[in-house]
Protein backbone atom coordinates (compact mmCIF):
# COMPACT_ATOMS: atom_id res chain seq x y z
CA MET A 1 -16.32 25.88 -13.88
CA GLU A 2 -15.42 23.59 -16.76
CA PRO A 3 -14.46 19.99 -15.93
CA GLY A 4 -10.73 19.40 -15.85
CA SER A 5 -9.49 15.87 -15.23
CA LEU A 6 -11.38 12.64 -14.68
CA SER A 7 -9.86 9.96 -12.44
CA GLN A 8 -10.85 6.35 -11.99
CA ILE A 9 -11.42 5.08 -8.44
CA VAL A 10 -10.95 1.39 -7.65
CA ILE A 11 -11.33 -0.05 -4.14
CA VAL A 12 -10.40 -3.64 -3.29
CA PRO A 13 -11.04 -5.29 0.09
CA PHE A 14 -8.53 -7.74 1.52
CA GLU A 15 -7.96 -9.68 4.72
CA ALA A 16 -4.51 -9.95 6.25
CA ILE A 17 -2.64 -10.36 9.52
CA ARG A 18 0.38 -8.39 10.64
CA LYS A 19 2.74 -8.14 13.59
CA LEU A 20 3.33 -4.67 15.05
CA ASN A 21 4.98 -3.95 18.39
CA GLN A 22 5.30 -7.70 19.00
CA ARG A 23 1.52 -8.12 18.68
CA LEU A 24 -0.04 -10.35 16.06
CA HIS A 25 -3.45 -9.21 14.84
CA GLY A 26 -5.57 -8.91 11.70
CA HIS A 27 -7.76 -6.50 9.78
CA GLY A 28 -10.29 -6.35 7.03
CA PHE A 29 -8.56 -3.68 4.92
CA LEU A 30 -9.79 -1.55 2.05
CA ALA A 31 -7.20 -0.46 -0.53
CA ARG A 32 -8.05 2.41 -2.87
CA VAL A 33 -6.33 3.79 -5.96
CA VAL A 34 -7.27 7.05 -7.70
CA ALA A 35 -5.59 7.35 -11.10
CA ASP A 36 -5.99 8.80 -14.57
CA GLN A 37 -5.74 5.49 -16.41
CA GLU A 38 -7.81 3.27 -18.66
CA PRO A 39 -10.36 1.76 -16.23
CA GLN A 40 -10.11 -1.94 -17.08
CA ALA A 41 -6.31 -1.87 -17.07
CA LEU A 42 -6.33 -0.08 -13.71
CA ILE A 43 -8.79 -2.59 -12.23
CA ARG A 44 -6.61 -5.51 -13.36
CA ALA A 45 -3.42 -3.92 -12.04
CA TRP A 46 -4.96 -3.02 -8.68
CA ASP A 47 -6.54 -6.45 -8.25
CA ARG A 48 -3.14 -8.00 -8.90
CA CYS A 49 -1.32 -5.75 -6.40
CA VAL A 50 -3.84 -6.14 -3.60
CA GLY A 51 -4.29 -9.84 -4.34
CA CYS A 52 -0.67 -10.44 -3.34
CA LEU A 53 -1.62 -9.39 0.21
CA ASP A 54 -5.00 -11.04 0.60
CA GLN A 55 -5.21 -13.81 3.22
CA GLY A 56 -1.51 -13.33 3.93
CA PHE A 57 1.01 -12.26 6.55
CA LEU A 58 2.02 -8.66 5.78
CA ASN A 59 5.41 -9.02 7.49
CA ASP A 60 6.41 -11.37 4.67
CA HIS A 61 6.20 -8.41 2.28
CA MET A 62 7.67 -5.62 4.42
CA PRO A 63 9.59 -5.54 7.73
CA LEU A 64 7.22 -3.10 9.46
CA PRO A 65 3.72 -3.32 7.94
CA ASN A 66 2.13 -0.25 9.51
CA ASP A 67 -0.35 1.70 7.40
CA VAL A 68 2.33 4.03 6.00
CA HIS A 69 4.61 1.22 4.81
CA LEU A 70 1.64 -0.73 3.49
CA ALA A 71 0.46 2.24 1.43
CA ARG A 72 4.01 2.84 0.19
CA TRP A 73 4.31 -0.81 -0.86
CA LEU A 74 1.10 -0.58 -2.86
CA TYR A 75 2.16 2.73 -4.39
CA GLN A 76 5.30 1.11 -5.77
CA CYS A 77 3.38 -1.97 -6.88
CA VAL A 78 1.00 -0.10 -9.14
CA ARG A 79 3.78 1.64 -11.08
CA PRO A 80 5.11 2.40 -13.75
CA SER A 81 2.15 4.82 -14.00
CA PRO A 82 2.13 6.69 -10.68
CA PRO A 83 -1.41 7.14 -9.31
CA ALA A 84 -2.80 10.40 -7.99
CA LEU A 85 -3.67 8.79 -4.67
CA ILE A 86 -3.25 5.49 -2.84
CA GLY A 87 -5.41 4.87 0.22
CA ILE A 88 -5.52 2.30 3.02
CA ARG A 89 -8.47 2.01 5.38
CA SER A 90 -7.42 -0.31 8.18
CA THR A 91 -10.52 0.22 10.33
CA GLN A 92 -13.90 1.92 9.86
CA ASN A 93 -12.60 5.01 11.64
CA ARG A 94 -9.07 5.59 10.39
CA GLY A 95 -6.84 5.38 7.37
CA ILE A 96 -4.16 7.02 5.25
CA ASP A 97 -3.85 8.36 1.71
CA LEU A 98 -0.53 8.92 -0.10
CA ASP A 99 -0.35 11.47 -2.91
CA GLN A 100 2.06 12.13 -5.78
CA ASP A 101 3.93 14.73 -3.74
CA ASN A 102 5.15 12.18 -1.18
CA ARG A 103 2.67 13.34 1.46
CA ALA A 104 0.66 11.24 3.88
CA HIS A 105 -2.91 12.31 4.58
CA PHE A 106 -4.10 10.66 7.80
CA TRP A 107 -7.77 10.71 8.67
CA TYR A 108 -9.62 9.85 11.85
CA ARG A 109 -13.41 9.62 11.98
CA THR A 110 -15.43 10.01 15.16
CA ARG A 111 -18.99 10.86 16.17
CA PHE A 112 -20.89 12.79 18.79
CA GLU A 113 -24.57 13.27 19.56
CA ALA A 114 -25.85 16.80 20.14
CA ALA A 115 -28.77 19.21 19.84
CA HIS A 116 -28.75 22.58 18.07
CA ARG A 117 -30.86 25.21 16.38
CA LEU A 118 -29.97 27.92 13.88
CA PRO A 119 -31.10 31.30 15.20
CA HIS A 120 -30.86 33.33 11.97
CA VAL A 121 -33.00 31.27 9.59
CA ALA A 122 -36.54 32.18 8.52
CA PRO A 123 -39.29 31.50 11.09
CA ASP A 124 -40.68 28.57 9.09
CA HIS A 125 -37.26 26.93 8.46
CA PRO A 126 -37.03 23.49 10.15
CA CYS A 127 -33.48 24.19 11.36
CA GLY A 128 -34.82 27.09 13.42
CA ARG A 129 -36.45 24.57 15.74
CA MET A 130 -34.38 22.84 18.39
CA HIS A 131 -33.42 19.44 16.98
CA GLY A 132 -30.52 17.01 17.05
CA HIS A 133 -28.01 15.09 14.98
CA GLY A 134 -25.46 12.36 15.26
CA PHE A 135 -22.56 14.48 13.94
CA THR A 136 -19.68 12.67 12.24
CA VAL A 137 -16.33 14.48 12.44
CA THR A 138 -13.38 13.51 10.26
CA LEU A 139 -10.03 15.06 11.13
CA HIS A 140 -7.26 15.09 8.52
CA THR A 141 -3.54 15.71 8.93
CA THR A 142 -0.95 16.07 6.20
CA GLU A 143 2.68 15.13 6.77
CA SER A 144 5.70 14.75 4.53
CA LEU A 145 6.94 11.20 4.06
CA SER A 146 10.52 12.41 4.00
CA THR A 147 10.48 11.66 7.73
CA ASN A 148 10.67 8.19 9.22
CA ALA A 149 7.44 6.27 8.62
CA THR A 150 7.33 5.08 12.22
CA GLU A 151 7.48 8.69 13.42
CA THR A 152 4.83 9.64 10.86
CA MET A 153 2.46 7.02 12.28
CA LYS A 154 2.69 8.77 15.66
CA GLY A 155 0.77 11.60 14.05
CA MET A 156 -2.30 9.38 14.05
CA ASP A 157 -1.99 8.82 17.80
CA ALA A 158 -1.67 12.59 18.31
CA LEU A 159 -4.78 13.12 16.20
CA VAL A 160 -6.84 10.85 18.43
CA SER A 161 -5.38 12.32 21.62
CA VAL A 162 -6.07 16.00 20.89
CA TRP A 163 -9.65 15.22 19.92
CA GLN A 164 -10.67 13.67 23.25
CA PRO A 165 -11.23 16.94 25.21
CA LEU A 166 -13.44 18.30 22.42
CA GLN A 167 -15.36 15.04 22.28
CA ALA A 168 -16.14 15.44 25.99
CA MET A 169 -17.39 19.00 25.40
CA LEU A 170 -19.54 18.25 22.35
CA ASP A 171 -21.09 14.88 23.05
CA LYS A 172 -24.54 14.90 24.69
CA SER A 173 -24.62 18.72 24.61
CA CYS A 174 -26.64 21.56 23.16
CA LEU A 175 -24.17 23.19 20.78
CA ASN A 176 -25.78 26.63 21.15
CA ASP A 177 -24.71 26.66 24.82
CA LEU A 178 -21.00 26.34 24.00
CA HIS A 179 -18.87 29.49 23.69
CA GLY A 180 -18.42 30.37 20.02
CA LEU A 181 -21.27 28.13 18.83
CA ASP A 182 -24.29 30.38 19.30
CA ASN A 183 -25.02 29.83 15.56
CA PRO A 184 -23.86 26.20 15.14
CA THR A 185 -24.06 25.58 11.40
CA SER A 186 -21.79 22.86 9.99
CA GLU A 187 -19.45 25.58 8.72
CA VAL A 188 -19.23 27.34 12.09
CA LEU A 189 -18.70 24.00 13.83
CA ALA A 190 -15.90 23.03 11.42
CA TYR A 191 -14.22 26.40 11.99
CA TRP A 192 -14.65 26.07 15.79
CA ILE A 193 -13.01 22.64 15.82
CA TRP A 194 -10.19 23.88 13.56
CA GLU A 195 -9.46 26.83 15.85
CA HIS A 196 -9.33 24.55 18.90
CA LEU A 197 -7.11 21.86 17.35
CA LYS A 198 -4.74 23.65 14.97
CA PRO A 199 -2.52 25.18 17.70
CA GLN A 200 -2.03 21.73 19.23
CA LEU A 201 -1.73 19.91 15.92
CA PRO A 202 0.15 21.95 13.28
CA SER A 203 -0.22 19.15 10.72
CA LEU A 204 -4.03 19.44 10.79
CA SER A 205 -5.08 19.99 7.17
CA CYS A 206 -8.87 19.98 7.26
CA VAL A 207 -11.96 19.21 9.31
CA THR A 208 -15.01 17.53 7.80
CA ILE A 209 -18.46 17.63 9.42
CA ASP A 210 -21.19 15.24 8.28
CA GLU A 211 -24.35 16.67 9.81
CA THR A 212 -26.53 14.06 8.11
CA ALA A 213 -25.90 10.99 5.97
CA THR A 214 -26.07 13.15 2.82
CA SER A 215 -24.72 16.59 3.79
CA SER A 216 -21.15 17.52 4.73
CA CYS A 217 -18.85 20.52 5.12
CA GLN A 218 -15.06 20.55 4.87
CA TYR A 219 -12.88 23.42 6.12
CA ASP A 220 -9.13 23.65 5.47
CA GLY A 221 -8.32 26.85 7.34
CA GLU A 222 -9.20 29.08 4.38
CA THR A 223 -11.93 27.59 2.21
CA TYR A 224 -15.24 25.82 2.82
CA HIS A 225 -16.28 22.90 0.62
CA ILE A 226 -19.83 21.62 0.79
CA GLY A 227 -20.68 18.02 -0.07
CA GLN A 228 -24.17 16.83 -0.98
CA GLN A 229 -24.87 13.15 -1.65
CA TRP A 230 -27.61 11.35 -3.54
CA HIS A 231 -28.35 7.72 -4.36
CA PHE A 232 -30.21 6.73 -7.50
CA GLU A 233 -31.29 3.41 -8.96
CA SER A 234 -30.82 3.17 -12.72
CA ALA A 235 -30.62 0.72 -15.59
CA LEU A 236 -28.24 0.80 -18.55
CA TYR A 237 -27.12 -1.14 -21.58
CA SER A 238 -23.48 -2.13 -21.27
CA ALA A 239 -20.90 -1.29 -23.91
CA ASP A 240 -20.03 -5.00 -24.22
CA PRO A 241 -20.61 -6.68 -27.60
CA ASP A 242 -23.67 -8.47 -26.19
CA HIS A 243 -25.14 -5.08 -25.12
CA ARG A 244 -26.47 -6.45 -21.82
CA LEU A 245 -29.24 -4.67 -19.95
CA HIS A 246 -28.42 -4.41 -16.24
CA GLY A 247 -28.43 -1.79 -13.47
CA HIS A 248 -26.67 -0.20 -10.49
CA SER A 249 -27.39 1.55 -7.23
CA TYR A 250 -25.34 4.68 -7.86
CA ALA A 251 -23.88 6.96 -5.19
CA LEU A 252 -23.25 10.56 -6.24
CA GLN A 253 -21.54 13.34 -4.30
CA LEU A 254 -21.33 16.92 -5.52
CA HIS A 255 -18.73 19.25 -4.01
CA LEU A 256 -19.32 23.01 -3.98
CA SER A 257 -16.96 25.79 -2.96
CA ILE A 258 -18.85 28.90 -1.81
CA PRO A 259 -17.82 31.90 0.36
CA LEU A 260 -19.23 31.98 3.87
CA ASP A 261 -22.27 34.15 4.54
CA ALA A 262 -21.16 35.96 7.70
CA VAL A 263 -24.72 36.59 8.86
CA MET A 264 -26.23 33.15 8.24
CA GLY A 265 -23.07 31.32 9.26
CA TRP A 266 -23.29 28.99 6.26
CA THR A 267 -22.15 28.97 2.67
CA VAL A 268 -25.49 27.69 1.34
CA ASP A 269 -28.65 26.09 2.64
CA TYR A 270 -28.34 22.34 1.99
CA GLY A 271 -32.05 22.34 1.20
CA ASP A 272 -31.49 24.83 -1.61
CA VAL A 273 -28.84 22.58 -3.17
CA LYS A 274 -31.30 19.67 -3.11
CA LYS A 275 -33.97 21.80 -4.79
CA GLN A 276 -31.60 22.97 -7.50
CA PHE A 277 -30.49 19.41 -8.28
CA ALA A 278 -33.96 17.84 -8.02
CA PRO A 279 -34.86 18.12 -11.76
CA ILE A 280 -31.58 16.39 -12.70
CA TYR A 281 -32.08 13.69 -10.07
CA ALA A 282 -35.58 13.03 -11.42
CA GLN A 283 -34.06 12.15 -14.81
CA LEU A 284 -31.60 9.70 -13.23
CA ASP A 285 -33.52 7.79 -10.58
CA HIS A 286 -35.49 4.73 -11.74
CA HIS A 287 -34.72 5.36 -15.40
CA LEU A 288 -32.76 3.82 -18.25
CA LEU A 289 -29.64 5.99 -18.51
CA ASN A 290 -29.19 5.30 -22.22
CA ASP A 291 -32.39 7.27 -22.82
CA LEU A 292 -30.98 10.49 -21.36
CA PRO A 293 -30.76 13.23 -24.03
CA GLY A 294 -27.22 13.82 -25.23
CA LEU A 295 -25.73 10.77 -23.50
CA ILE A 296 -23.87 8.75 -26.14
CA ALA A 297 -23.31 5.72 -23.91
CA ALA A 298 -24.02 5.07 -20.25
CA ASP A 299 -20.56 4.02 -19.05
CA LEU A 300 -19.50 5.54 -15.73
CA SER A 301 -17.27 8.27 -17.17
CA ARG A 302 -19.87 9.51 -19.64
CA VAL A 303 -22.62 9.53 -17.03
CA ALA A 304 -20.37 11.61 -14.75
CA HIS A 305 -19.75 14.14 -17.55
CA TRP A 306 -23.47 14.27 -18.35
CA ILE A 307 -24.34 15.01 -14.70
CA TRP A 308 -21.59 17.67 -14.55
CA GLU A 309 -22.96 19.47 -17.60
CA GLN A 310 -26.49 19.45 -16.22
CA ALA A 311 -25.46 20.43 -12.68
CA GLN A 312 -23.09 23.20 -13.75
CA ALA A 313 -25.97 25.14 -15.25
CA ARG A 314 -27.76 25.13 -11.88
CA LEU A 315 -24.85 24.98 -9.41
CA SER A 316 -22.12 27.27 -10.74
CA SER A 317 -20.01 26.72 -7.60
CA LEU A 318 -19.53 23.02 -8.44
CA THR A 319 -15.87 22.02 -8.07
CA ARG A 320 -15.92 18.21 -8.06
CA LEU A 321 -18.21 15.27 -8.69
CA ASP A 322 -17.71 11.72 -7.37
CA LEU A 323 -19.86 8.98 -8.88
CA TYR A 324 -19.84 5.33 -7.78
CA GLU A 325 -21.68 2.53 -9.56
CA THR A 326 -20.76 0.09 -6.77
CA PRO A 327 -19.16 0.74 -3.34
CA TYR A 328 -15.80 -0.25 -4.88
CA ARG A 329 -15.88 1.33 -8.34
CA GLY A 330 -16.20 5.01 -9.16
CA VAL A 331 -14.89 8.07 -10.96
CA SER A 332 -14.00 11.58 -9.80
CA LEU A 333 -14.47 14.57 -12.11
CA VAL A 334 -12.63 17.68 -10.92
CA GLY A 335 -13.09 21.26 -12.08
CA SER A 336 -10.27 22.85 -14.04
CA LYS A 337 -9.49 25.32 -11.23
CA SER A 338 -10.67 23.27 -8.30
CA PRO A 339 -8.65 23.39 -5.07
CA LEU A 340 -7.76 20.13 -3.33
CA VAL A 341 -10.68 18.38 -1.71
CA LEU A 342 -9.83 15.09 -0.05
CA HIS A 343 -11.70 12.12 -1.46
CA PRO A 344 -14.14 10.79 1.11
CA TRP A 345 -14.43 7.04 1.50
CA PRO A 346 -17.85 5.85 0.31
CA THR A 347 -20.25 4.79 3.06
CA ARG A 348 -22.38 2.49 0.94
């Protein structure tokens, strides 16, 4: 798939207090904008918008500063160029994204500890042995903002509530012993959770399973998207007039969309993705990026395009690439025919 659009991602942390339901409390927020704009102009605009809220009392800016109203306020602030996405992370485990279609995407992240084995893999495959993971589950709902924002926020409470019975079933269990999970791959687990929650929560839009710190699966009721993450340490010469030599700890996530193998219960073996990408990774990690063949300059956007071109030759199912040079600054390169995949918040 050829690359379609490239978006800039800017995240700014801020500290603020707010009063909700007659209770005064505070948060360390993260505010994210995803937009197709010139990067330095977007950084300045977003810093200015979020800076108005930092170390302040949110009720001074809006009557009811819940996450929905806060995201709406920031969405209006960053105009006249409407962004593709505005996100607020109010705690480590929950947040909201607003898109251009006036929809709110709530997400709630939780975790359970469990054992499993995959019964259909080759005899020498490590996943065929009984082993365990700390599984991270992220549940997403999508709701129209044409409804009252206070009512929309109740969707988050419903999201947490419907999860609790499944948490009790999954935590401290052997997944293979649960009905419907005799072959508990990430894909099968995502589908199993979807089937249990969707009837109770019609607004559920996707389920994401992070089986390890670098491997994830997202299921939206129709399509599976696989995420594989890498970190690499690289140097570069800046494009500034002084041509400074410096470096970054980069975080890269590739997203693949592949049909499910009904026998194996997965779309692809995560290990195979790592092997396919290994020669590209070897050129990136602990190297000077300006020395890469065909790379004109090593700014974030060009590096993302270079990785896409190299990866596409080996991973034809690639649909999106997210590349961060710091935890708060990144780009997203999306395939020309890529379906929606929600942007994960970086963990580093």
